[in-house]
Amino acid sequence: MRWSELAEKECIDLVGGERLGDLLHADMSFDPQTGKIHAILLPTESSWFKKKHRFMELTWSMIRKVGPEMLIVDSLDRKSSKKQF
């Protein structure tokens, strides 16, 4: 799957059914040696408007399903929810 296809999707939390955001403004963290993706860095809603660089780190193990319109993640696997970059 290409990033352009993934960027069109919404991110939904499996546990609470809450919308975490869309992937349009997200970034990725990956290992430059292997090319493996470590995490998707999803900007929090407040950071987008206030221009603070806070992200919710969605590790690859948190992703449960990639559907046609959304990405389902399990927040119970989340160790640290927000990181500042």
N, C-alpha and C. Protein backbone atom coordinates (compact mmCIF):
# COMPACT_ATOMS: atom_id res chain seq x y z
N MET A 1 0.84 -1.17 0.00
CA MET A 1 0.00 0.00 0.00
C MET A 1 0.89 1.23 0.00
N ARG A 2 0.53 2.19 -0.79
CA ARG A 2 1.26 3.45 -0.86
C ARG A 2 0.80 4.41 0.24
N TRP A 3 1.70 5.33 0.62
CA TRP A 3 1.36 6.30 1.65
C TRP A 3 0.17 7.16 1.22
N SER A 4 0.07 7.47 -0.05
CA SER A 4 -1.04 8.30 -0.53
C SER A 4 -2.39 7.61 -0.30
N GLU A 5 -2.42 6.29 -0.38
CA GLU A 5 -3.65 5.53 -0.10
C GLU A 5 -3.94 5.51 1.39
N LEU A 6 -2.90 5.37 2.20
CA LEU A 6 -3.06 5.34 3.66
C LEU A 6 -3.46 6.71 4.20
N ALA A 7 -2.95 7.78 3.60
CA ALA A 7 -3.21 9.14 4.08
C ALA A 7 -4.68 9.53 3.96
N GLU A 8 -5.44 8.86 3.13
CA GLU A 8 -6.86 9.19 2.96
C GLU A 8 -7.74 8.59 4.06
N LYS A 9 -7.17 7.76 4.92
CA LYS A 9 -7.96 7.03 5.90
C LYS A 9 -8.05 7.76 7.24
N GLU A 10 -9.14 7.50 7.97
CA GLU A 10 -9.30 7.99 9.33
C GLU A 10 -8.74 6.94 10.28
N CYS A 11 -8.28 7.39 11.43
CA CYS A 11 -7.76 6.48 12.44
C CYS A 11 -8.78 6.39 13.57
N ILE A 12 -9.25 5.17 13.88
CA ILE A 12 -10.28 4.93 14.89
C ILE A 12 -9.72 4.00 15.96
N ASP A 13 -10.01 4.33 17.23
CA ASP A 13 -9.59 3.51 18.35
C ASP A 13 -10.59 2.37 18.55
N LEU A 14 -10.10 1.16 18.59
CA LEU A 14 -10.94 -0.02 18.75
C LEU A 14 -11.61 -0.06 20.12
N VAL A 15 -10.91 0.37 21.15
CA VAL A 15 -11.42 0.26 22.52
C VAL A 15 -12.60 1.20 22.76
N GLY A 16 -12.43 2.48 22.49
CA GLY A 16 -13.48 3.45 22.77
C GLY A 16 -14.31 3.84 21.57
N GLY A 17 -13.92 3.40 20.38
CA GLY A 17 -14.62 3.79 19.17
C GLY A 17 -14.41 5.25 18.81
N GLU A 18 -13.42 5.88 19.41
CA GLU A 18 -13.20 7.30 19.22
C GLU A 18 -12.31 7.57 18.00
N ARG A 19 -12.58 8.67 17.33
CA ARG A 19 -11.79 9.08 16.17
C ARG A 19 -10.52 9.74 16.68
N LEU A 20 -9.38 9.20 16.28
CA LEU A 20 -8.10 9.75 16.71
C LEU A 20 -7.60 10.81 15.75
N GLY A 21 -8.07 10.79 14.53
CA GLY A 21 -7.66 11.77 13.53
C GLY A 21 -7.51 11.11 12.18
N ASP A 22 -7.17 11.93 11.19
CA ASP A 22 -6.91 11.35 9.88
C ASP A 22 -5.41 11.29 9.66
N LEU A 23 -5.00 10.49 8.73
CA LEU A 23 -3.58 10.25 8.50
C LEU A 23 -2.97 11.22 7.50
N LEU A 24 -3.74 12.18 7.04
CA LEU A 24 -3.26 13.13 6.04
C LEU A 24 -2.03 13.90 6.52
N HIS A 25 -2.02 14.30 7.79
CA HIS A 25 -0.92 15.10 8.32
C HIS A 25 0.02 14.27 9.19
N ALA A 26 -0.10 12.96 9.14
CA ALA A 26 0.73 12.08 9.95
C ALA A 26 2.13 11.94 9.34
N ASP A 27 3.01 11.41 10.13
CA ASP A 27 4.38 11.16 9.70
C ASP A 27 4.72 9.72 10.09
N MET A 28 5.84 9.22 9.62
CA MET A 28 6.26 7.87 9.96
C MET A 28 7.65 7.88 10.56
N SER A 29 7.86 6.95 11.47
CA SER A 29 9.18 6.71 12.02
C SER A 29 9.61 5.33 11.52
N PHE A 30 10.78 5.26 10.92
CA PHE A 30 11.22 3.98 10.37
C PHE A 30 12.71 3.81 10.54
N ASP A 31 13.16 2.57 10.43
CA ASP A 31 14.56 2.22 10.53
C ASP A 31 15.21 2.44 9.17
N PRO A 32 16.17 3.35 9.07
CA PRO A 32 16.77 3.63 7.77
C PRO A 32 17.60 2.47 7.21
N GLN A 33 18.05 1.58 8.08
CA GLN A 33 18.85 0.44 7.63
C GLN A 33 17.99 -0.62 6.95
N THR A 34 16.84 -0.93 7.56
CA THR A 34 16.00 -2.01 7.04
C THR A 34 14.80 -1.52 6.26
N GLY A 35 14.38 -0.26 6.51
CA GLY A 35 13.19 0.28 5.87
C GLY A 35 11.91 -0.12 6.57
N LYS A 36 12.00 -0.83 7.70
CA LYS A 36 10.81 -1.24 8.44
C LYS A 36 10.21 -0.05 9.18
N ILE A 37 8.90 0.03 9.16
CA ILE A 37 8.19 1.11 9.84
C ILE A 37 8.09 0.78 11.32
N HIS A 38 8.52 1.73 12.17
CA HIS A 38 8.39 1.58 13.62
C HIS A 38 7.03 2.06 14.09
N ALA A 39 6.62 3.24 13.61
CA ALA A 39 5.39 3.83 14.11
C ALA A 39 4.87 4.88 13.14
N ILE A 40 3.58 5.14 13.25
CA ILE A 40 2.95 6.26 12.57
C ILE A 40 2.76 7.34 13.62
N LEU A 41 3.21 8.55 13.34
CA LEU A 41 3.11 9.66 14.27
C LEU A 41 1.92 10.52 13.86
N LEU A 42 0.85 10.39 14.63
CA LEU A 42 -0.40 11.07 14.33
C LEU A 42 -0.48 12.36 15.14
N PRO A 43 -0.55 13.53 14.50
CA PRO A 43 -0.63 14.78 15.27
C PRO A 43 -1.94 14.84 16.04
N THR A 44 -1.85 15.33 17.28
CA THR A 44 -3.06 15.50 18.07
C THR A 44 -3.82 16.70 17.52
N GLU A 45 -5.12 16.74 17.75
CA GLU A 45 -5.93 17.83 17.19
C GLU A 45 -5.49 19.19 17.69
N SER A 46 -5.11 19.28 18.96
CA SER A 46 -4.69 20.58 19.50
C SER A 46 -3.37 21.03 18.89
N SER A 47 -2.50 20.09 18.52
CA SER A 47 -1.21 20.49 17.97
C SER A 47 -1.35 21.07 16.58
N TRP A 48 -2.34 20.64 15.82
CA TRP A 48 -2.53 21.13 14.47
C TRP A 48 -2.90 22.61 14.48
N PHE A 49 -3.74 23.03 15.42
CA PHE A 49 -4.18 24.42 15.47
C PHE A 49 -3.19 25.31 16.21
N LYS A 50 -2.54 24.79 17.21
CA LYS A 50 -1.62 25.60 18.02
C LYS A 50 -0.18 25.52 17.55
N LYS A 51 0.07 24.72 16.53
CA LYS A 51 1.40 24.56 15.94
C LYS A 51 2.42 23.98 16.91
N LYS A 52 1.96 23.29 17.95
CA LYS A 52 2.88 22.55 18.80
C LYS A 52 3.09 21.20 18.15
N HIS A 53 4.25 20.66 18.32
CA HIS A 53 4.57 19.40 17.66
C HIS A 53 4.38 18.24 18.63
N ARG A 54 3.12 17.89 18.89
CA ARG A 54 2.79 16.75 19.73
C ARG A 54 2.14 15.69 18.86
N PHE A 55 2.60 14.47 19.05
CA PHE A 55 2.12 13.37 18.23
C PHE A 55 1.68 12.21 19.10
N MET A 56 0.72 11.49 18.61
CA MET A 56 0.35 10.22 19.20
C MET A 56 1.11 9.16 18.41
N GLU A 57 1.90 8.37 19.10
CA GLU A 57 2.71 7.36 18.43
C GLU A 57 1.91 6.07 18.32
N LEU A 58 1.62 5.67 17.11
CA LEU A 58 0.89 4.43 16.84
C LEU A 58 1.90 3.40 16.32
N THR A 59 2.31 2.51 17.20
CA THR A 59 3.28 1.50 16.78
C THR A 59 2.60 0.51 15.84
N TRP A 60 3.40 -0.18 15.07
CA TRP A 60 2.86 -1.10 14.08
C TRP A 60 2.06 -2.21 14.75
N SER A 61 2.42 -2.59 15.97
CA SER A 61 1.69 -3.66 16.68
C SER A 61 0.30 -3.22 17.13
N MET A 62 0.06 -1.92 17.21
CA MET A 62 -1.25 -1.40 17.63
C MET A 62 -2.28 -1.49 16.51
N ILE A 63 -1.84 -1.56 15.27
CA ILE A 63 -2.76 -1.56 14.13
C ILE A 63 -3.43 -2.93 14.03
N ARG A 64 -4.76 -2.93 14.06
CA ARG A 64 -5.52 -4.18 13.98
C ARG A 64 -6.10 -4.43 12.60
N LYS A 65 -6.51 -3.37 11.91
CA LYS A 65 -7.18 -3.56 10.61
C LYS A 65 -6.99 -2.30 9.77
N VAL A 66 -6.68 -2.51 8.50
CA VAL A 66 -6.63 -1.42 7.53
C VAL A 66 -7.79 -1.68 6.58
N GLY A 67 -8.83 -0.86 6.72
CA GLY A 67 -10.00 -1.01 5.89
C GLY A 67 -10.00 -0.03 4.74
N PRO A 68 -11.07 -0.03 3.92
CA PRO A 68 -11.11 0.86 2.77
C PRO A 68 -11.19 2.35 3.14
N GLU A 69 -11.75 2.66 4.33
CA GLU A 69 -11.90 4.07 4.72
C GLU A 69 -11.25 4.40 6.05
N MET A 70 -10.83 3.40 6.82
CA MET A 70 -10.27 3.68 8.13
C MET A 70 -9.20 2.70 8.54
N LEU A 71 -8.43 3.14 9.52
CA LEU A 71 -7.39 2.35 10.14
C LEU A 71 -7.83 2.12 11.58
N ILE A 72 -7.98 0.86 11.99
CA ILE A 72 -8.42 0.54 13.34
C ILE A 72 -7.20 0.22 14.19
N VAL A 73 -7.05 0.91 15.33
CA VAL A 73 -5.93 0.67 16.23
C VAL A 73 -6.45 0.29 17.61
N ASP A 74 -5.66 -0.46 18.34
CA ASP A 74 -6.00 -0.90 19.69
C ASP A 74 -5.20 -0.07 20.68
N SER A 75 -5.85 0.84 21.39
CA SER A 75 -5.15 1.73 22.30
C SER A 75 -4.67 1.04 23.57
N LEU A 76 -5.12 -0.18 23.83
CA LEU A 76 -4.63 -0.91 25.00
C LEU A 76 -3.17 -1.30 24.84
N ASP A 77 -2.68 -1.34 23.61
CA ASP A 77 -1.28 -1.64 23.36
C ASP A 77 -0.39 -0.41 23.46
N ARG A 78 -1.00 0.73 23.72
CA ARG A 78 -0.26 1.99 23.75
C ARG A 78 0.53 2.11 25.05
N LYS A 79 1.83 2.29 24.94
CA LYS A 79 2.67 2.45 26.12
C LYS A 79 2.81 3.92 26.49
N SER A 80 3.05 4.75 25.50
CA SER A 80 3.13 6.19 25.75
C SER A 80 2.31 6.87 24.68
N SER A 81 1.29 7.60 25.10
CA SER A 81 0.33 8.11 24.13
C SER A 81 0.80 9.35 23.39
N LYS A 82 1.50 10.25 24.07
CA LYS A 82 1.89 11.49 23.39
C LYS A 82 3.37 11.74 23.60
N LYS A 83 4.02 12.10 22.53
CA LYS A 83 5.42 12.46 22.58
C LYS A 83 5.58 13.81 21.93
N GLN A 84 6.56 14.54 22.42
CA GLN A 84 6.81 15.86 21.84
C GLN A 84 8.07 15.78 21.01
N PHE A 85 7.99 16.29 19.77
CA PHE A 85 9.13 16.29 18.86
C PHE A 85 9.48 17.69 18.46
